[in-house]
Amino acid sequence: MSNASSHSTLRVARPLSPCIQVCTIEPSSSLCKGCGRTLDEIACWGSMTEAEKTPVWDRLIQEGYIDAQYAK
């Protein structure tokens, strides 16, 4: 008999923000070197819905700013 939990992937709850306190905007890309967000994303983060944040989280994971364990 197979144990279903042995086939599941561990997912960790996302933090409230991707900020890692390394707040420097890279001039060539206009992205924060620490978290990978744009200035607009940083400024609006607190008022964004989870649906609005999801594509940002997905991009940050895809670009390697955030560990894939936070994928939903």
PDB file of N, CA and C in Angstrom:
ATOM      1  N   MET A   1       0.845  -1.181   0.000  1.00  0.00           N
ATOM      2  CA  MET A   1       0.000   0.000   0.000  1.00  0.00           C
ATOM      3  C   MET A   1       0.887   1.239   0.000  1.00  0.00           C
ATOM      4  N   SER A   2       0.577   2.189  -0.831  1.00  0.00           N
ATOM      5  CA  SER A   2       1.385   3.400  -0.983  1.00  0.00           C
ATOM      6  C   SER A   2       0.933   4.488  -0.025  1.00  0.00           C
ATOM      7  N   ASN A   3       1.881   5.191   0.528  1.00  0.00           N
ATOM      8  CA  ASN A   3       1.588   6.317   1.420  1.00  0.00           C
ATOM      9  C   ASN A   3       1.487   7.586   0.580  1.00  0.00           C
ATOM     10  N   ALA A   4       0.307   8.197   0.505  1.00  0.00           N
ATOM     11  CA  ALA A   4       0.077   9.369  -0.339  1.00  0.00           C
ATOM     12  C   ALA A   4       0.958  10.539   0.057  1.00  0.00           C
ATOM     13  N   SER A   5       1.253  10.690   1.339  1.00  0.00           N
ATOM     14  CA  SER A   5       2.057  11.826   1.774  1.00  0.00           C
ATOM     15  C   SER A   5       3.503  11.715   1.299  1.00  0.00           C
ATOM     16  N   SER A   6       3.963  10.519   0.974  1.00  0.00           N
ATOM     17  CA  SER A   6       5.334  10.359   0.503  1.00  0.00           C
ATOM     18  C   SER A   6       5.522  10.942  -0.895  1.00  0.00           C
ATOM     19  N   HIS A   7       4.418  11.168  -1.605  1.00  0.00           N
ATOM     20  CA  HIS A   7       4.487  11.713  -2.955  1.00  0.00           C
ATOM     21  C   HIS A   7       4.185  13.202  -3.008  1.00  0.00           C
ATOM     22  N   SER A   8       3.815  13.794  -1.899  1.00  0.00           N
ATOM     23  CA  SER A   8       3.472  15.210  -1.908  1.00  0.00           C
ATOM     24  C   SER A   8       4.730  16.054  -1.751  1.00  0.00           C
ATOM     25  N   THR A   9       4.655  17.268  -2.254  1.00  0.00           N
ATOM     26  CA  THR A   9       5.755  18.210  -2.157  1.00  0.00           C
ATOM     27  C   THR A   9       5.470  19.165  -1.013  1.00  0.00           C
ATOM     28  N   LEU A  10       6.450  19.376  -0.177  1.00  0.00           N
ATOM     29  CA  LEU A  10       6.293  20.273   0.957  1.00  0.00           C
ATOM     30  C   LEU A  10       6.183  21.714   0.464  1.00  0.00           C
ATOM     31  N   ARG A  11       5.145  22.401   0.875  1.00  0.00           N
ATOM     32  CA  ARG A  11       4.949  23.812   0.554  1.00  0.00           C
ATOM     33  C   ARG A  11       4.946  24.581   1.854  1.00  0.00           C
ATOM     34  N   VAL A  12       5.618  25.702   1.851  1.00  0.00           N
ATOM     35  CA  VAL A  12       5.726  26.540   3.025  1.00  0.00           C
ATOM     36  C   VAL A  12       4.895  27.785   2.789  1.00  0.00           C
ATOM     37  N   ALA A  13       4.217  28.262   3.832  1.00  0.00           N
ATOM     38  CA  ALA A  13       3.422  29.481   3.699  1.00  0.00           C
ATOM     39  C   ALA A  13       4.324  30.638   3.296  1.00  0.00           C
ATOM     40  N   ARG A  14       3.835  31.436   2.382  1.00  0.00           N
ATOM     41  CA  ARG A  14       4.612  32.593   1.939  1.00  0.00           C
ATOM     42  C   ARG A  14       4.706  33.625   3.053  1.00  0.00           C
ATOM     43  N   PRO A  15       5.828  34.342   3.102  1.00  0.00           N
ATOM     44  CA  PRO A  15       5.908  35.451   4.052  1.00  0.00           C
ATOM     45  C   PRO A  15       4.963  36.565   3.606  1.00  0.00           C
ATOM     46  N   LEU A  16       4.728  37.533   4.460  1.00  0.00           N
ATOM     47  CA  LEU A  16       3.850  38.651   4.095  1.00  0.00           C
ATOM     48  C   LEU A  16       4.419  39.461   2.944  1.00  0.00           C
ATOM     49  N   SER A  17       5.745  39.501   2.839  1.00  0.00           N
ATOM     50  CA  SER A  17       6.409  40.284   1.807  1.00  0.00           C
ATOM     51  C   SER A  17       7.669  39.555   1.370  1.00  0.00           C
ATOM     52  N   PRO A  18       8.080  39.740   0.113  1.00  0.00           N
ATOM     53  CA  PRO A  18       9.333  39.143  -0.337  1.00  0.00           C
ATOM     54  C   PRO A  18      10.568  39.943   0.101  1.00  0.00           C
ATOM     55  N   CYS A  19      10.380  41.057   0.783  1.00  0.00           N
ATOM     56  CA  CYS A  19      11.491  41.917   1.200  1.00  0.00           C
ATOM     57  C   CYS A  19      12.465  41.153   2.102  1.00  0.00           C
ATOM     58  N   ILE A  20      13.766  41.296   1.807  1.00  0.00           N
ATOM     59  CA  ILE A  20      14.802  40.681   2.639  1.00  0.00           C
ATOM     60  C   ILE A  20      15.730  41.745   3.219  1.00  0.00           C
ATOM     61  N   GLN A  21      15.274  42.974   3.247  1.00  0.00           N
ATOM     62  CA  GLN A  21      16.015  44.091   3.841  1.00  0.00           C
ATOM     63  C   GLN A  21      17.330  44.388   3.122  1.00  0.00           C
ATOM     64  N   VAL A  22      17.390  44.116   1.830  1.00  0.00           N
ATOM     65  CA  VAL A  22      18.518  44.490   0.979  1.00  0.00           C
ATOM     66  C   VAL A  22      17.922  45.401  -0.085  1.00  0.00           C
ATOM     67  N   CYS A  23      17.649  46.630   0.299  1.00  0.00           N
ATOM     68  CA  CYS A  23      16.834  47.534  -0.505  1.00  0.00           C
ATOM     69  C   CYS A  23      17.699  48.468  -1.352  1.00  0.00           C
ATOM     70  N   THR A  24      18.050  47.982  -2.539  1.00  0.00           N
ATOM     71  CA  THR A  24      18.828  48.764  -3.488  1.00  0.00           C
ATOM     72  C   THR A  24      18.253  48.511  -4.871  1.00  0.00           C
ATOM     73  N   ILE A  25      17.892  49.579  -5.551  1.00  0.00           N
ATOM     74  CA  ILE A  25      17.333  49.435  -6.901  1.00  0.00           C
ATOM     75  C   ILE A  25      18.475  49.382  -7.909  1.00  0.00           C
ATOM     76  N   GLU A  26      18.473  48.348  -8.731  1.00  0.00           N
ATOM     77  CA  GLU A  26      19.458  48.180  -9.795  1.00  0.00           C
ATOM     78  C   GLU A  26      19.064  49.092 -10.953  1.00  0.00           C
ATOM     79  N   PRO A  27      19.886  50.101 -11.276  1.00  0.00           N
ATOM     80  CA  PRO A  27      19.504  51.068 -12.320  1.00  0.00           C
ATOM     81  C   PRO A  27      19.210  50.446 -13.686  1.00  0.00           C
ATOM     82  N   SER A  28      19.948  49.420 -14.066  1.00  0.00           N
ATOM     83  CA  SER A  28      19.760  48.848 -15.405  1.00  0.00           C
ATOM     84  C   SER A  28      18.446  48.087 -15.555  1.00  0.00           C
ATOM     85  N   SER A  29      17.943  47.516 -14.460  1.00  0.00           N
ATOM     86  CA  SER A  29      16.715  46.719 -14.538  1.00  0.00           C
ATOM     87  C   SER A  29      15.538  47.365 -13.822  1.00  0.00           C
ATOM     88  N   SER A  30      15.808  48.355 -12.974  1.00  0.00           N
ATOM     89  CA  SER A  30      14.794  49.000 -12.128  1.00  0.00           C
ATOM     90  C   SER A  30      14.160  48.017 -11.138  1.00  0.00           C
ATOM     91  N   LEU A  31      14.891  46.958 -10.781  1.00  0.00           N
ATOM     92  CA  LEU A  31      14.430  45.982  -9.812  1.00  0.00           C
ATOM     93  C   LEU A  31      15.265  46.088  -8.551  1.00  0.00           C
ATOM     94  N   CYS A  32      14.638  45.799  -7.420  1.00  0.00           N
ATOM     95  CA  CYS A  32      15.358  45.756  -6.159  1.00  0.00           C
ATOM     96  C   CYS A  32      16.327  44.573  -6.189  1.00  0.00           C
ATOM     97  N   LYS A  33      17.573  44.808  -5.810  1.00  0.00           N
ATOM     98  CA  LYS A  33      18.571  43.733  -5.786  1.00  0.00           C
ATOM     99  C   LYS A  33      18.224  42.663  -4.759  1.00  0.00           C
ATOM    100  N   GLY A  34      17.524  43.039  -3.703  1.00  0.00           N
ATOM    101  CA  GLY A  34      17.185  42.085  -2.650  1.00  0.00           C
ATOM    102  C   GLY A  34      16.004  41.209  -2.976  1.00  0.00           C
ATOM    103  N   CYS A  35      14.876  41.839  -3.338  1.00  0.00           N
ATOM    104  CA  CYS A  35      13.640  41.066  -3.508  1.00  0.00           C
ATOM    105  C   CYS A  35      13.189  40.909  -4.960  1.00  0.00           C
ATOM    106  N   GLY A  36      13.732  41.709  -5.861  1.00  0.00           N
ATOM    107  CA  GLY A  36      13.379  41.572  -7.271  1.00  0.00           C
ATOM    108  C   GLY A  36      12.147  42.326  -7.716  1.00  0.00           C
ATOM    109  N   ARG A  37      11.526  43.075  -6.793  1.00  0.00           N
ATOM    110  CA  ARG A  37      10.324  43.819  -7.173  1.00  0.00           C
ATOM    111  C   ARG A  37      10.682  45.182  -7.768  1.00  0.00           C
ATOM    112  N   THR A  38       9.739  45.707  -8.550  1.00  0.00           N
ATOM    113  CA  THR A  38       9.873  47.063  -9.069  1.00  0.00           C
ATOM    114  C   THR A  38       9.488  48.047  -7.976  1.00  0.00           C
ATOM    115  N   LEU A  39       9.818  49.315  -8.181  1.00  0.00           N
ATOM    116  CA  LEU A  39       9.409  50.336  -7.215  1.00  0.00           C
ATOM    117  C   LEU A  39       7.893  50.387  -7.071  1.00  0.00           C
ATOM    118  N   ASP A  40       7.164  50.265  -8.185  1.00  0.00           N
ATOM    119  CA  ASP A  40       5.692  50.262  -8.119  1.00  0.00           C
ATOM    120  C   ASP A  40       5.176  49.081  -7.301  1.00  0.00           C
ATOM    121  N   GLU A  41       5.764  47.903  -7.508  1.00  0.00           N
ATOM    122  CA  GLU A  41       5.336  46.724  -6.741  1.00  0.00           C
ATOM    123  C   GLU A  41       5.624  46.911  -5.258  1.00  0.00           C
ATOM    124  N   ILE A  42       6.774  47.483  -4.943  1.00  0.00           N
ATOM    125  CA  ILE A  42       7.124  47.735  -3.543  1.00  0.00           C
ATOM    126  C   ILE A  42       6.152  48.730  -2.931  1.00  0.00           C
ATOM    127  N   ALA A  43       5.888  49.820  -3.645  1.00  0.00           N
ATOM    128  CA  ALA A  43       5.018  50.877  -3.123  1.00  0.00           C
ATOM    129  C   ALA A  43       3.578  50.404  -2.928  1.00  0.00           C
ATOM    130  N   CYS A  44       3.106  49.540  -3.796  1.00  0.00           N
ATOM    131  CA  CYS A  44       1.702  49.101  -3.758  1.00  0.00           C
ATOM    132  C   CYS A  44       1.485  47.810  -2.972  1.00  0.00           C
ATOM    133  N   TRP A  45       2.542  47.144  -2.564  1.00  0.00           N
ATOM    134  CA  TRP A  45       2.440  45.805  -1.982  1.00  0.00           C
ATOM    135  C   TRP A  45       1.400  45.704  -0.863  1.00  0.00           C
ATOM    136  N   GLY A  46       1.402  46.644   0.049  1.00  0.00           N
ATOM    137  CA  GLY A  46       0.499  46.589   1.196  1.00  0.00           C
ATOM    138  C   GLY A  46      -0.968  46.674   0.836  1.00  0.00           C
ATOM    139  N   SER A  47      -1.286  47.269  -0.304  1.00  0.00           N
ATOM    140  CA  SER A  47      -2.685  47.404  -0.705  1.00  0.00           C
ATOM    141  C   SER A  47      -3.073  46.432  -1.821  1.00  0.00           C
ATOM    142  N   MET A  48      -2.148  45.615  -2.269  1.00  0.00           N
ATOM    143  CA  MET A  48      -2.452  44.649  -3.325  1.00  0.00           C
ATOM    144  C   MET A  48      -3.217  43.459  -2.748  1.00  0.00           C
ATOM    145  N   THR A  49      -4.122  42.910  -3.545  1.00  0.00           N
ATOM    146  CA  THR A  49      -4.828  41.689  -3.161  1.00  0.00           C
ATOM    147  C   THR A  49      -3.908  40.494  -3.396  1.00  0.00           C
ATOM    148  N   GLU A  50      -4.266  39.355  -2.829  1.00  0.00           N
ATOM    149  CA  GLU A  50      -3.480  38.148  -3.066  1.00  0.00           C
ATOM    150  C   GLU A  50      -3.461  37.799  -4.553  1.00  0.00           C
ATOM    151  N   ALA A  51      -4.585  38.045  -5.244  1.00  0.00           N
ATOM    152  CA  ALA A  51      -4.645  37.780  -6.686  1.00  0.00           C
ATOM    153  C   ALA A  51      -3.678  38.679  -7.452  1.00  0.00           C
ATOM    154  N   GLU A  52      -3.487  39.889  -7.002  1.00  0.00           N
ATOM    155  CA  GLU A  52      -2.543  40.812  -7.641  1.00  0.00           C
ATOM    156  C   GLU A  52      -1.099  40.443  -7.310  1.00  0.00           C
ATOM    157  N   LYS A  53      -0.880  39.911  -6.123  1.00  0.00           N
ATOM    158  CA  LYS A  53       0.474  39.535  -5.701  1.00  0.00           C
ATOM    159  C   LYS A  53       0.948  38.236  -6.363  1.00  0.00           C
ATOM    160  N   THR A  54       0.021  37.350  -6.690  1.00  0.00           N
ATOM    161  CA  THR A  54       0.388  36.026  -7.206  1.00  0.00           C
ATOM    162  C   THR A  54       1.315  36.079  -8.418  1.00  0.00           C
ATOM    163  N   PRO A  55       1.027  36.880  -9.451  1.00  0.00           N
ATOM    164  CA  PRO A  55       1.966  36.902 -10.586  1.00  0.00           C
ATOM    165  C   PRO A  55       3.331  37.482 -10.215  1.00  0.00           C
ATOM    166  N   VAL A  56       3.359  38.373  -9.235  1.00  0.00           N
ATOM    167  CA  VAL A  56       4.636  38.919  -8.776  1.00  0.00           C
ATOM    168  C   VAL A  56       5.426  37.815  -8.076  1.00  0.00           C
ATOM    169  N   TRP A  57       4.777  37.084  -7.146  1.00  0.00           N
ATOM    170  CA  TRP A  57       5.431  35.958  -6.483  1.00  0.00           C
ATOM    171  C   TRP A  57       5.949  34.958  -7.519  1.00  0.00           C
ATOM    172  N   ASP A  58       5.118  34.643  -8.515  1.00  0.00           N
ATOM    173  CA  ASP A  58       5.509  33.675  -9.549  1.00  0.00           C
ATOM    174  C   ASP A  58       6.752  34.142 -10.290  1.00  0.00           C
ATOM    175  N   ARG A  59       6.805  35.427 -10.649  1.00  0.00           N
ATOM    176  CA  ARG A  59       7.968  35.974 -11.347  1.00  0.00           C
ATOM    177  C   ARG A  59       9.205  35.927 -10.457  1.00  0.00           C
ATOM    178  N   LEU A  60       9.045  36.296  -9.184  1.00  0.00           N
ATOM    179  CA  LEU A  60      10.180  36.298  -8.262  1.00  0.00           C
ATOM    180  C   LEU A  60      10.741  34.889  -8.076  1.00  0.00           C
ATOM    181  N   ILE A  61       9.867  33.896  -8.031  1.00  0.00           N
ATOM    182  CA  ILE A  61      10.303  32.501  -7.933  1.00  0.00           C
ATOM    183  C   ILE A  61      11.014  32.093  -9.220  1.00  0.00           C
ATOM    184  N   GLN A  62      10.411  32.406 -10.363  1.00  0.00           N
ATOM    185  CA  GLN A  62      10.986  32.045 -11.664  1.00  0.00           C
ATOM    186  C   GLN A  62      12.363  32.680 -11.857  1.00  0.00           C
ATOM    187  N   GLU A  63      12.536  33.913 -11.401  1.00  0.00           N
ATOM    188  CA  GLU A  63      13.802  34.630 -11.581  1.00  0.00           C
ATOM    189  C   GLU A  63      14.811  34.337 -10.476  1.00  0.00           C
ATOM    190  N   GLY A  64      14.433  33.515  -9.486  1.00  0.00           N
ATOM    191  CA  GLY A  64      15.368  33.078  -8.470  1.00  0.00           C
ATOM    192  C   GLY A  64      15.514  33.994  -7.263  1.00  0.00           C
ATOM    193  N   TYR A  65      14.646  34.980  -7.137  1.00  0.00           N
ATOM    194  CA  TYR A  65      14.697  35.850  -5.959  1.00  0.00           C
ATOM    195  C   TYR A  65      14.100  35.174  -4.727  1.00  0.00           C
ATOM    196  N   ILE A  66      13.124  34.310  -4.962  1.00  0.00           N
ATOM    197  CA  ILE A  66      12.396  33.623  -3.900  1.00  0.00           C
ATOM    198  C   ILE A  66      12.522  32.126  -4.121  1.00  0.00           C
ATOM    199  N   ASP A  67      12.669  31.370  -3.049  1.00  0.00           N
ATOM    200  CA  ASP A  67      12.776  29.922  -3.133  1.00  0.00           C
ATOM    201  C   ASP A  67      11.473  29.317  -3.646  1.00  0.00           C
ATOM    202  N   ALA A  68      11.569  28.312  -4.471  1.00  0.00           N
ATOM    203  CA  ALA A  68      10.394  27.667  -5.055  1.00  0.00           C
ATOM    204  C   ALA A  68       9.481  27.010  -4.030  1.00  0.00           C
ATOM    205  N   GLN A  69       9.934  26.832  -2.794  1.00  0.00           N
ATOM    206  CA  GLN A  69       9.075  26.241  -1.768  1.00  0.00           C
ATOM    207  C   GLN A  69       7.850  27.104  -1.480  1.00  0.00           C
ATOM    208  N   TYR A  70       7.895  28.385  -1.908  1.00  0.00           N
ATOM    209  CA  TYR A  70       6.773  29.298  -1.689  1.00  0.00           C
ATOM    210  C   TYR A  70       5.781  29.296  -2.844  1.00  0.00           C
ATOM    211  N   ALA A  71       5.974  28.444  -3.828  1.00  0.00           N
ATOM    212  CA  ALA A  71       5.040  28.349  -4.948  1.00  0.00           C
ATOM    213  C   ALA A  71       3.707  27.834  -4.455  1.00  0.00           C
ATOM    214  N   LYS A  72       2.633  28.322  -5.056  1.00  0.00           N
ATOM    215  CA  LYS A  72       1.291  27.873  -4.662  1.00  0.00           C
ATOM    216  C   LYS A  72       0.658  27.106  -5.785  1.00  0.00           C
TER     217      LYS A  72
END
